[in-house]
């Protein structure tokens, strides 16, 4: 403990930060991050820590140029999507606070959908058909989320351009 100009300074943990690897599905979440996300006090976190659930959502959004007769449209198609339910354990840090260690997925679900194609109804006018479709770009994304009861909070996420298929 240091005393400087009448102020008592003590060692404290560094600022909290979520550390998560979406490929390995492992990481750590400091209790301070959870408290901030939900607006909780330390006491509320301690009370609800055992009921927290963590998940990782993922998706690919394809951007298409679509022609329907004279109409030219941009269409975002959610090509694939899903969620991993993650295993997390509660731990105490060296300062009496809580943290959460994410050790991988224990369950998951995913799906794909069919992109726009010539001959399908036009998204802007169902009475005409799509004449032409061109994939312009794709974006892959993910979000790490904490859930407590009905409350769900995003903690971290990322996006990257995906190569054309």
N, C-alpha and C. Protein backbone atom coordinates (compact mmCIF):
# COMPACT_ATOMS: atom_id res chain seq x y z
N UNK A 1 0.84 -1.16 0.00
CA UNK A 1 0.00 0.00 0.00
C UNK A 1 0.89 1.22 0.00
N UNK A 2 0.54 2.23 -0.82
CA UNK A 2 1.29 3.47 -0.91
C UNK A 2 0.46 4.60 -0.35
N UNK A 3 1.12 5.57 0.27
CA UNK A 3 0.43 6.76 0.72
C UNK A 3 1.08 7.95 0.03
N UNK A 4 0.32 8.70 -0.72
CA UNK A 4 0.85 9.85 -1.43
C UNK A 4 -0.09 11.03 -1.25
N UNK A 5 0.43 12.11 -0.72
CA UNK A 5 -0.34 13.33 -0.51
C UNK A 5 -1.65 13.07 0.21
N UNK A 6 -1.63 12.22 1.20
CA UNK A 6 -2.81 11.95 2.00
C UNK A 6 -3.81 11.02 1.35
N UNK A 7 -3.49 10.45 0.17
CA UNK A 7 -4.39 9.53 -0.53
C UNK A 7 -3.82 8.13 -0.40
N UNK A 8 -4.66 7.16 -0.06
CA UNK A 8 -4.23 5.78 0.06
C UNK A 8 -4.44 5.09 -1.28
N UNK A 9 -3.37 4.51 -1.84
CA UNK A 9 -3.45 3.79 -3.11
C UNK A 9 -3.21 2.31 -2.84
N UNK A 10 -4.03 1.46 -3.40
CA UNK A 10 -3.84 0.02 -3.25
C UNK A 10 -3.80 -0.61 -4.63
N UNK A 11 -3.22 -1.79 -4.71
CA UNK A 11 -3.19 -2.51 -5.98
C UNK A 11 -4.59 -2.95 -6.35
N UNK A 12 -4.90 -2.86 -7.62
CA UNK A 12 -6.22 -3.26 -8.11
C UNK A 12 -6.04 -4.01 -9.42
N UNK A 13 -7.01 -4.84 -9.76
CA UNK A 13 -6.89 -5.56 -11.03
C UNK A 13 -6.92 -4.58 -12.19
N UNK A 14 -6.30 -4.97 -13.29
CA UNK A 14 -6.32 -4.15 -14.49
C UNK A 14 -7.75 -4.06 -15.00
N UNK A 15 -7.98 -3.10 -15.86
CA UNK A 15 -9.31 -2.93 -16.45
C UNK A 15 -9.75 -4.24 -17.09
N UNK A 16 -11.00 -4.56 -16.89
CA UNK A 16 -11.54 -5.82 -17.39
C UNK A 16 -11.64 -5.79 -18.92
N UNK A 17 -11.51 -6.95 -19.53
CA UNK A 17 -11.67 -7.09 -20.98
C UNK A 17 -12.06 -8.54 -21.28
N UNK A 18 -13.02 -8.70 -22.17
CA UNK A 18 -13.42 -10.04 -22.60
C UNK A 18 -12.33 -10.56 -23.53
N UNK A 19 -11.91 -11.78 -23.28
CA UNK A 19 -10.92 -12.45 -24.15
C UNK A 19 -11.58 -13.74 -24.64
N UNK A 20 -11.80 -13.81 -25.95
CA UNK A 20 -12.52 -14.96 -26.50
C UNK A 20 -12.01 -15.28 -27.89
N UNK A 21 -11.79 -16.57 -28.15
CA UNK A 21 -11.36 -17.06 -29.45
C UNK A 21 -12.57 -17.79 -30.08
N UNK A 22 -13.20 -17.20 -31.09
CA UNK A 22 -14.41 -17.81 -31.67
C UNK A 22 -14.15 -19.11 -32.41
N UNK A 23 -12.92 -19.36 -32.82
CA UNK A 23 -12.60 -20.61 -33.52
C UNK A 23 -12.46 -21.74 -32.49
N UNK A 24 -11.69 -21.51 -31.43
CA UNK A 24 -11.49 -22.52 -30.38
C UNK A 24 -12.66 -22.56 -29.41
N UNK A 25 -13.48 -21.50 -29.39
CA UNK A 25 -14.62 -21.35 -28.48
C UNK A 25 -14.17 -21.41 -27.02
N UNK A 26 -13.09 -20.72 -26.73
CA UNK A 26 -12.55 -20.65 -25.37
C UNK A 26 -12.22 -19.21 -25.04
N UNK A 27 -12.21 -18.90 -23.75
CA UNK A 27 -11.83 -17.56 -23.34
C UNK A 27 -12.21 -17.28 -21.90
N UNK A 28 -12.08 -16.02 -21.53
CA UNK A 28 -12.44 -15.58 -20.19
C UNK A 28 -13.26 -14.30 -20.27
N UNK A 29 -14.18 -14.19 -19.33
CA UNK A 29 -15.00 -12.99 -19.21
C UNK A 29 -14.90 -12.54 -17.76
N UNK A 30 -14.39 -11.35 -17.55
CA UNK A 30 -14.28 -10.81 -16.19
C UNK A 30 -15.67 -10.46 -15.67
N UNK A 31 -15.83 -10.61 -14.38
CA UNK A 31 -17.10 -10.25 -13.76
C UNK A 31 -17.47 -8.80 -14.02
N UNK A 32 -16.47 -7.92 -14.08
CA UNK A 32 -16.74 -6.50 -14.34
C UNK A 32 -17.41 -6.31 -15.70
N UNK A 33 -17.04 -7.12 -16.68
CA UNK A 33 -17.67 -7.03 -18.00
C UNK A 33 -19.15 -7.44 -17.93
N UNK A 34 -19.43 -8.48 -17.18
CA UNK A 34 -20.82 -8.94 -17.02
C UNK A 34 -21.62 -7.90 -16.25
N UNK A 35 -21.06 -7.38 -15.17
CA UNK A 35 -21.76 -6.34 -14.39
C UNK A 35 -22.09 -5.15 -15.27
N UNK A 36 -21.13 -4.70 -16.06
CA UNK A 36 -21.35 -3.55 -16.93
C UNK A 36 -22.42 -3.84 -17.97
N UNK A 37 -22.37 -5.01 -18.59
CA UNK A 37 -23.34 -5.37 -19.63
C UNK A 37 -24.77 -5.40 -19.10
N UNK A 38 -24.96 -5.93 -17.88
CA UNK A 38 -26.30 -6.06 -17.32
C UNK A 38 -26.68 -4.89 -16.40
N UNK A 39 -25.70 -4.05 -16.04
CA UNK A 39 -25.98 -2.95 -15.11
C UNK A 39 -26.12 -3.45 -13.68
N UNK A 40 -25.40 -4.51 -13.32
CA UNK A 40 -25.51 -5.13 -12.00
C UNK A 40 -24.46 -4.60 -11.03
N UNK A 41 -24.74 -4.79 -9.77
CA UNK A 41 -23.75 -4.56 -8.72
C UNK A 41 -22.96 -5.86 -8.52
N UNK A 42 -21.89 -5.79 -7.74
CA UNK A 42 -21.11 -7.00 -7.44
C UNK A 42 -21.98 -8.03 -6.72
N UNK A 43 -22.86 -7.56 -5.82
CA UNK A 43 -23.73 -8.47 -5.07
C UNK A 43 -24.70 -9.18 -6.01
N UNK A 44 -25.25 -8.45 -6.99
CA UNK A 44 -26.18 -9.07 -7.94
C UNK A 44 -25.45 -10.10 -8.80
N UNK A 45 -24.24 -9.78 -9.23
CA UNK A 45 -23.46 -10.74 -10.01
C UNK A 45 -23.21 -12.00 -9.19
N UNK A 46 -22.81 -11.85 -7.94
CA UNK A 46 -22.54 -13.01 -7.09
C UNK A 46 -23.79 -13.87 -6.96
N UNK A 47 -24.95 -13.24 -6.85
CA UNK A 47 -26.22 -13.96 -6.69
C UNK A 47 -26.62 -14.70 -7.97
N UNK A 48 -26.33 -14.12 -9.13
CA UNK A 48 -26.80 -14.68 -10.41
C UNK A 48 -25.73 -15.41 -11.21
N UNK A 49 -24.51 -15.45 -10.73
CA UNK A 49 -23.39 -16.03 -11.49
C UNK A 49 -23.66 -17.46 -11.94
N UNK A 50 -24.20 -18.28 -11.06
CA UNK A 50 -24.45 -19.68 -11.39
C UNK A 50 -25.48 -19.89 -12.48
N UNK A 51 -26.34 -18.89 -12.70
CA UNK A 51 -27.39 -19.01 -13.72
C UNK A 51 -27.03 -18.40 -15.06
N UNK A 52 -25.85 -17.81 -15.15
CA UNK A 52 -25.45 -17.20 -16.42
C UNK A 52 -25.16 -18.26 -17.47
N UNK A 53 -25.54 -18.00 -18.69
CA UNK A 53 -25.24 -18.89 -19.81
C UNK A 53 -24.55 -18.06 -20.89
N UNK A 54 -23.58 -18.68 -21.55
CA UNK A 54 -22.85 -18.01 -22.63
C UNK A 54 -23.09 -18.76 -23.92
N UNK A 55 -23.18 -18.00 -25.02
CA UNK A 55 -23.37 -18.61 -26.34
C UNK A 55 -22.63 -17.80 -27.39
N UNK A 56 -22.39 -18.45 -28.52
CA UNK A 56 -21.77 -17.79 -29.66
C UNK A 56 -22.69 -17.95 -30.86
N UNK A 57 -23.19 -16.83 -31.37
CA UNK A 57 -23.96 -16.84 -32.61
C UNK A 57 -23.00 -16.61 -33.77
N UNK A 58 -23.32 -17.17 -34.94
CA UNK A 58 -22.49 -16.95 -36.13
C UNK A 58 -23.38 -16.90 -37.35
N UNK A 59 -22.90 -16.21 -38.39
CA UNK A 59 -23.68 -16.07 -39.61
C UNK A 59 -22.78 -15.69 -40.77
N UNK A 60 -23.31 -15.91 -41.97
CA UNK A 60 -22.72 -15.38 -43.19
C UNK A 60 -23.83 -14.65 -43.92
N UNK A 61 -23.60 -13.40 -44.25
CA UNK A 61 -24.56 -12.59 -45.00
C UNK A 61 -23.99 -12.37 -46.40
N UNK A 62 -24.69 -12.87 -47.41
CA UNK A 62 -24.29 -12.69 -48.80
C UNK A 62 -25.06 -11.50 -49.38
N UNK A 63 -24.36 -10.65 -50.09
CA UNK A 63 -24.96 -9.48 -50.73
C UNK A 63 -25.04 -9.74 -52.23
N UNK A 64 -26.26 -9.69 -52.77
CA UNK A 64 -26.49 -9.99 -54.19
C UNK A 64 -27.01 -8.76 -54.93
N UNK A 65 -26.64 -8.67 -56.19
CA UNK A 65 -27.27 -7.75 -57.13
C UNK A 65 -28.30 -8.59 -57.88
N UNK A 66 -29.56 -8.16 -57.84
CA UNK A 66 -30.66 -8.92 -58.43
C UNK A 66 -31.36 -8.05 -59.47
N UNK A 67 -31.65 -8.63 -60.62
CA UNK A 67 -32.41 -7.94 -61.66
C UNK A 67 -33.76 -8.62 -61.81
N UNK A 68 -34.81 -7.80 -61.78
CA UNK A 68 -36.18 -8.26 -61.99
C UNK A 68 -36.77 -7.35 -63.06
N UNK A 69 -36.71 -7.78 -64.31
CA UNK A 69 -37.14 -6.90 -65.40
C UNK A 69 -36.25 -5.66 -65.41
N UNK A 70 -36.87 -4.49 -65.33
CA UNK A 70 -36.12 -3.23 -65.32
C UNK A 70 -35.60 -2.87 -63.92
N UNK A 71 -36.08 -3.54 -62.90
CA UNK A 71 -35.68 -3.22 -61.52
C UNK A 71 -34.34 -3.83 -61.19
N UNK A 72 -33.50 -3.06 -60.51
CA UNK A 72 -32.21 -3.53 -60.00
C UNK A 72 -32.24 -3.37 -58.49
N UNK A 73 -31.96 -4.48 -57.79
CA UNK A 73 -32.06 -4.48 -56.33
C UNK A 73 -30.78 -5.00 -55.71
N UNK A 74 -30.54 -4.60 -54.48
CA UNK A 74 -29.52 -5.23 -53.63
C UNK A 74 -30.28 -6.08 -52.63
N UNK A 75 -29.89 -7.34 -52.51
CA UNK A 75 -30.55 -8.28 -51.61
C UNK A 75 -29.51 -8.87 -50.67
N UNK A 76 -29.78 -8.80 -49.36
CA UNK A 76 -28.92 -9.45 -48.37
C UNK A 76 -29.56 -10.79 -48.03
N UNK A 77 -28.79 -11.83 -48.23
CA UNK A 77 -29.28 -13.19 -47.99
C UNK A 77 -28.45 -13.80 -46.85
N UNK A 78 -29.10 -14.21 -45.79
CA UNK A 78 -28.41 -14.83 -44.66
C UNK A 78 -28.18 -16.30 -45.01
N UNK A 79 -27.02 -16.54 -45.58
CA UNK A 79 -26.66 -17.84 -46.15
C UNK A 79 -26.61 -18.95 -45.10
N UNK A 80 -25.83 -18.74 -44.04
CA UNK A 80 -25.82 -19.72 -42.96
C UNK A 80 -25.83 -19.00 -41.63
N UNK A 81 -26.27 -19.69 -40.61
CA UNK A 81 -26.46 -19.08 -39.30
C UNK A 81 -26.52 -20.19 -38.27
N UNK A 82 -26.22 -19.84 -37.03
CA UNK A 82 -26.30 -20.85 -35.98
C UNK A 82 -25.86 -20.31 -34.64
N UNK A 83 -25.86 -21.21 -33.68
CA UNK A 83 -25.49 -20.85 -32.31
C UNK A 83 -24.82 -22.04 -31.65
N UNK A 84 -23.77 -21.75 -30.88
CA UNK A 84 -23.13 -22.72 -30.01
C UNK A 84 -23.46 -22.35 -28.58
N UNK A 85 -23.92 -23.33 -27.80
CA UNK A 85 -24.08 -23.14 -26.36
C UNK A 85 -22.73 -23.49 -25.74
N UNK A 86 -22.21 -22.60 -24.91
CA UNK A 86 -20.85 -22.74 -24.41
C UNK A 86 -20.81 -23.20 -22.96
N UNK A 87 -19.80 -23.99 -22.63
CA UNK A 87 -19.55 -24.42 -21.26
C UNK A 87 -18.71 -23.35 -20.58
N UNK A 88 -19.17 -22.89 -19.43
CA UNK A 88 -18.44 -21.85 -18.70
C UNK A 88 -18.44 -22.18 -17.21
N UNK A 89 -17.31 -21.96 -16.57
CA UNK A 89 -17.19 -22.16 -15.13
C UNK A 89 -16.95 -20.83 -14.43
N UNK A 90 -17.45 -20.72 -13.22
CA UNK A 90 -17.26 -19.51 -12.42
C UNK A 90 -15.97 -19.67 -11.63
N UNK A 91 -15.16 -18.61 -11.63
CA UNK A 91 -13.89 -18.61 -10.88
C UNK A 91 -13.78 -17.32 -10.09
N UNK A 92 -12.99 -17.35 -9.04
CA UNK A 92 -12.72 -16.13 -8.26
C UNK A 92 -11.35 -15.62 -8.67
N UNK A 93 -11.28 -14.29 -8.89
CA UNK A 93 -9.97 -13.72 -9.19
C UNK A 93 -9.25 -13.41 -7.88
N UNK A 94 -8.05 -12.94 -7.95
CA UNK A 94 -7.26 -12.68 -6.75
C UNK A 94 -7.73 -11.51 -5.92
N UNK A 95 -8.78 -10.83 -6.37
CA UNK A 95 -9.26 -9.64 -5.67
C UNK A 95 -10.66 -9.85 -5.09
N UNK A 96 -11.13 -11.07 -5.03
CA UNK A 96 -12.45 -11.36 -4.48
C UNK A 96 -13.57 -11.25 -5.48
N UNK A 97 -13.27 -10.92 -6.73
CA UNK A 97 -14.30 -10.81 -7.76
C UNK A 97 -14.49 -12.11 -8.50
N UNK A 98 -15.51 -12.15 -9.31
CA UNK A 98 -15.82 -13.35 -10.09
C UNK A 98 -15.36 -13.17 -11.54
N UNK A 99 -15.05 -14.27 -12.17
CA UNK A 99 -14.79 -14.30 -13.60
C UNK A 99 -15.36 -15.60 -14.15
N UNK A 100 -15.40 -15.71 -15.45
CA UNK A 100 -16.00 -16.87 -16.10
C UNK A 100 -15.01 -17.41 -17.13
N UNK A 101 -14.75 -18.69 -17.06
CA UNK A 101 -13.83 -19.34 -18.00
C UNK A 101 -14.66 -20.18 -18.97
N UNK A 102 -14.58 -19.84 -20.23
CA UNK A 102 -15.31 -20.55 -21.29
C UNK A 102 -14.39 -21.61 -21.86
N UNK A 103 -14.85 -22.86 -21.84
CA UNK A 103 -13.98 -23.98 -22.21
C UNK A 103 -14.41 -24.71 -23.48
N UNK A 104 -15.43 -24.25 -24.16
CA UNK A 104 -15.84 -24.89 -25.41
C UNK A 104 -17.33 -25.02 -25.52
N UNK A 105 -17.77 -25.55 -26.64
CA UNK A 105 -19.20 -25.73 -26.89
C UNK A 105 -19.65 -27.10 -26.43
N UNK A 106 -20.85 -27.17 -25.86
CA UNK A 106 -21.43 -28.47 -25.51
C UNK A 106 -22.62 -28.81 -26.40
N UNK A 107 -23.12 -27.83 -27.17
CA UNK A 107 -24.23 -28.08 -28.08
C UNK A 107 -24.24 -26.99 -29.14
N UNK A 108 -24.90 -27.26 -30.23
CA UNK A 108 -24.99 -26.26 -31.27
C UNK A 108 -26.07 -26.60 -32.27
N UNK A 109 -26.46 -25.59 -33.01
CA UNK A 109 -27.44 -25.78 -34.08
C UNK A 109 -27.09 -24.80 -35.18
N UNK A 110 -27.29 -25.23 -36.42
CA UNK A 110 -27.02 -24.33 -37.54
C UNK A 110 -27.95 -24.67 -38.68
N UNK A 111 -28.02 -23.75 -39.62
CA UNK A 111 -28.86 -23.97 -40.78
C UNK A 111 -28.35 -23.18 -41.96
N UNK A 112 -28.84 -23.51 -43.11
CA UNK A 112 -28.53 -22.77 -44.32
C UNK A 112 -29.85 -22.50 -45.03
N UNK A 113 -29.81 -21.57 -45.95
CA UNK A 113 -31.00 -21.29 -46.74
C UNK A 113 -30.59 -21.09 -48.20
N UNK A 114 -31.56 -21.17 -49.07
CA UNK A 114 -31.34 -21.11 -50.50
C UNK A 114 -31.25 -19.64 -50.93
N UNK A 115 -30.21 -19.26 -51.67
CA UNK A 115 -30.06 -17.87 -52.11
C UNK A 115 -31.06 -17.53 -53.23
N UNK A 116 -31.19 -16.24 -53.54
CA UNK A 116 -32.06 -15.88 -54.66
C UNK A 116 -31.53 -16.48 -55.96
N UNK A 117 -32.45 -16.82 -56.86
CA UNK A 117 -32.07 -17.46 -58.12
C UNK A 117 -33.03 -17.03 -59.23
N UNK A 118 -32.56 -17.03 -60.47
CA UNK A 118 -33.45 -16.72 -61.59
C UNK A 118 -34.69 -17.63 -61.58
N UNK A 119 -35.82 -17.02 -61.87
CA UNK A 119 -37.08 -17.76 -61.89
C UNK A 119 -37.88 -17.65 -60.59
N UNK A 120 -37.22 -17.29 -59.49
CA UNK A 120 -37.94 -17.09 -58.22
C UNK A 120 -38.68 -15.76 -58.26
N UNK A 121 -39.71 -15.59 -57.40
CA UNK A 121 -40.39 -14.30 -57.32
C UNK A 121 -39.42 -13.18 -56.91
N UNK A 122 -39.60 -12.02 -57.47
CA UNK A 122 -38.77 -10.86 -57.17
C UNK A 122 -39.07 -10.37 -55.74
N UNK A 123 -38.04 -10.09 -54.94
CA UNK A 123 -38.29 -9.63 -53.56
C UNK A 123 -39.09 -8.32 -53.49
N UNK A 124 -38.96 -7.45 -54.50
CA UNK A 124 -39.65 -6.16 -54.48
C UNK A 124 -41.06 -6.22 -55.07
N UNK A 125 -41.32 -7.23 -55.88
CA UNK A 125 -42.61 -7.34 -56.55
C UNK A 125 -42.85 -8.82 -56.87
N UNK A 126 -43.63 -9.49 -56.05
CA UNK A 126 -43.85 -10.92 -56.18
C UNK A 126 -44.54 -11.33 -57.50
N UNK A 127 -45.06 -10.36 -58.25
CA UNK A 127 -45.75 -10.69 -59.50
C UNK A 127 -44.78 -10.88 -60.66
N UNK A 128 -43.52 -10.49 -60.50
CA UNK A 128 -42.53 -10.71 -61.55
C UNK A 128 -41.43 -11.63 -61.03
N UNK A 129 -40.67 -12.18 -61.95
CA UNK A 129 -39.62 -13.15 -61.60
C UNK A 129 -38.24 -12.50 -61.65
N UNK A 130 -37.31 -13.12 -60.91
CA UNK A 130 -35.91 -12.70 -60.96
C UNK A 130 -35.33 -13.17 -62.28
N UNK A 131 -34.65 -12.23 -62.98
CA UNK A 131 -34.01 -12.55 -64.26
C UNK A 131 -32.54 -12.91 -64.07
N UNK A 132 -31.87 -12.22 -63.17
CA UNK A 132 -30.43 -12.37 -63.04
C UNK A 132 -30.01 -12.14 -61.59
N UNK A 133 -29.00 -12.91 -61.16
CA UNK A 133 -28.47 -12.79 -59.79
C UNK A 133 -26.95 -12.81 -59.85
N UNK A 134 -26.32 -11.89 -59.11
CA UNK A 134 -24.85 -11.87 -59.06
C UNK A 134 -24.42 -11.65 -57.61
N UNK A 135 -23.58 -12.56 -57.09
CA UNK A 135 -23.02 -12.41 -55.75
C UNK A 135 -22.01 -11.27 -55.77
N UNK A 136 -22.20 -10.27 -54.91
CA UNK A 136 -21.33 -9.10 -54.87
C UNK A 136 -20.28 -9.25 -53.77
N UNK A 137 -20.72 -9.65 -52.57
CA UNK A 137 -19.79 -9.80 -51.45
C UNK A 137 -20.43 -10.66 -50.36
N UNK A 138 -19.59 -11.11 -49.44
CA UNK A 138 -20.07 -11.89 -48.29
C UNK A 138 -19.36 -11.39 -47.04
N UNK A 139 -20.07 -11.42 -45.93
CA UNK A 139 -19.52 -11.03 -44.64
C UNK A 139 -19.82 -12.14 -43.66
N UNK A 140 -18.78 -12.58 -42.93
CA UNK A 140 -18.97 -13.56 -41.86
C UNK A 140 -18.94 -12.80 -40.53
N UNK A 141 -19.76 -13.22 -39.58
CA UNK A 141 -19.78 -12.55 -38.30
C UNK A 141 -20.08 -13.51 -37.16
N UNK A 142 -19.77 -13.06 -35.94
CA UNK A 142 -20.05 -13.83 -34.74
C UNK A 142 -20.25 -12.87 -33.58
N UNK A 143 -20.95 -13.35 -32.55
CA UNK A 143 -21.19 -12.58 -31.34
C UNK A 143 -21.14 -13.50 -30.13
N UNK A 144 -20.39 -13.10 -29.11
CA UNK A 144 -20.39 -13.79 -27.81
C UNK A 144 -21.43 -13.11 -26.95
N UNK A 145 -22.36 -13.90 -26.41
CA UNK A 145 -23.49 -13.37 -25.66
C UNK A 145 -23.60 -14.02 -24.29
N UNK A 146 -24.01 -13.21 -23.30
CA UNK A 146 -24.33 -13.72 -21.96
C UNK A 146 -25.84 -13.60 -21.77
N UNK A 147 -26.43 -14.63 -21.16
CA UNK A 147 -27.87 -14.64 -20.91
C UNK A 147 -28.12 -14.94 -19.44
N UNK A 148 -29.02 -14.15 -18.86
CA UNK A 148 -29.48 -14.35 -17.48
C UNK A 148 -30.99 -14.23 -17.49
N UNK A 149 -31.67 -15.36 -17.30
CA UNK A 149 -33.14 -15.34 -17.38
C UNK A 149 -33.56 -14.93 -18.78
N UNK A 150 -34.40 -13.90 -18.88
CA UNK A 150 -34.85 -13.39 -20.18
C UNK A 150 -33.94 -12.31 -20.74
N UNK A 151 -32.96 -11.86 -19.97
CA UNK A 151 -32.06 -10.79 -20.41
C UNK A 151 -30.87 -11.38 -21.17
N UNK A 152 -30.57 -10.79 -22.30
CA UNK A 152 -29.49 -11.26 -23.16
C UNK A 152 -28.63 -10.06 -23.53
N UNK A 153 -27.31 -10.19 -23.37
CA UNK A 153 -26.40 -9.08 -23.66
C UNK A 153 -25.23 -9.57 -24.52
N UNK A 154 -24.95 -8.84 -25.60
CA UNK A 154 -23.77 -9.11 -26.42
C UNK A 154 -22.54 -8.57 -25.71
N UNK A 155 -21.50 -9.39 -25.60
CA UNK A 155 -20.27 -9.00 -24.92
C UNK A 155 -19.15 -8.66 -25.90
N UNK A 156 -19.11 -9.36 -27.03
CA UNK A 156 -18.01 -9.20 -27.98
C UNK A 156 -18.46 -9.77 -29.32
N UNK A 157 -17.88 -9.26 -30.40
CA UNK A 157 -18.23 -9.79 -31.70
C UNK A 157 -17.20 -9.41 -32.74
N UNK A 158 -17.33 -9.99 -33.90
CA UNK A 158 -16.41 -9.69 -34.98
C UNK A 158 -17.03 -9.97 -36.33
N UNK A 159 -16.48 -9.31 -37.34
CA UNK A 159 -16.92 -9.50 -38.73
C UNK A 159 -15.71 -9.53 -39.62
N UNK A 160 -15.83 -10.25 -40.71
CA UNK A 160 -14.76 -10.26 -41.71
C UNK A 160 -15.36 -10.53 -43.08
N UNK A 161 -14.70 -10.03 -44.09
CA UNK A 161 -15.14 -10.33 -45.46
C UNK A 161 -14.88 -11.80 -45.74
N UNK A 162 -15.83 -12.43 -46.33
CA UNK A 162 -15.69 -13.85 -46.67
C UNK A 162 -15.33 -13.96 -48.13
N UNK A 163 -14.53 -14.97 -48.49
CA UNK A 163 -14.22 -15.16 -49.91
C UNK A 163 -15.48 -15.55 -50.67
N UNK A 164 -15.54 -15.17 -51.93
CA UNK A 164 -16.70 -15.54 -52.77
C UNK A 164 -16.72 -17.05 -52.95
N UNK A 165 -17.92 -17.59 -52.94
CA UNK A 165 -18.10 -19.01 -53.19
C UNK A 165 -18.12 -19.30 -54.66
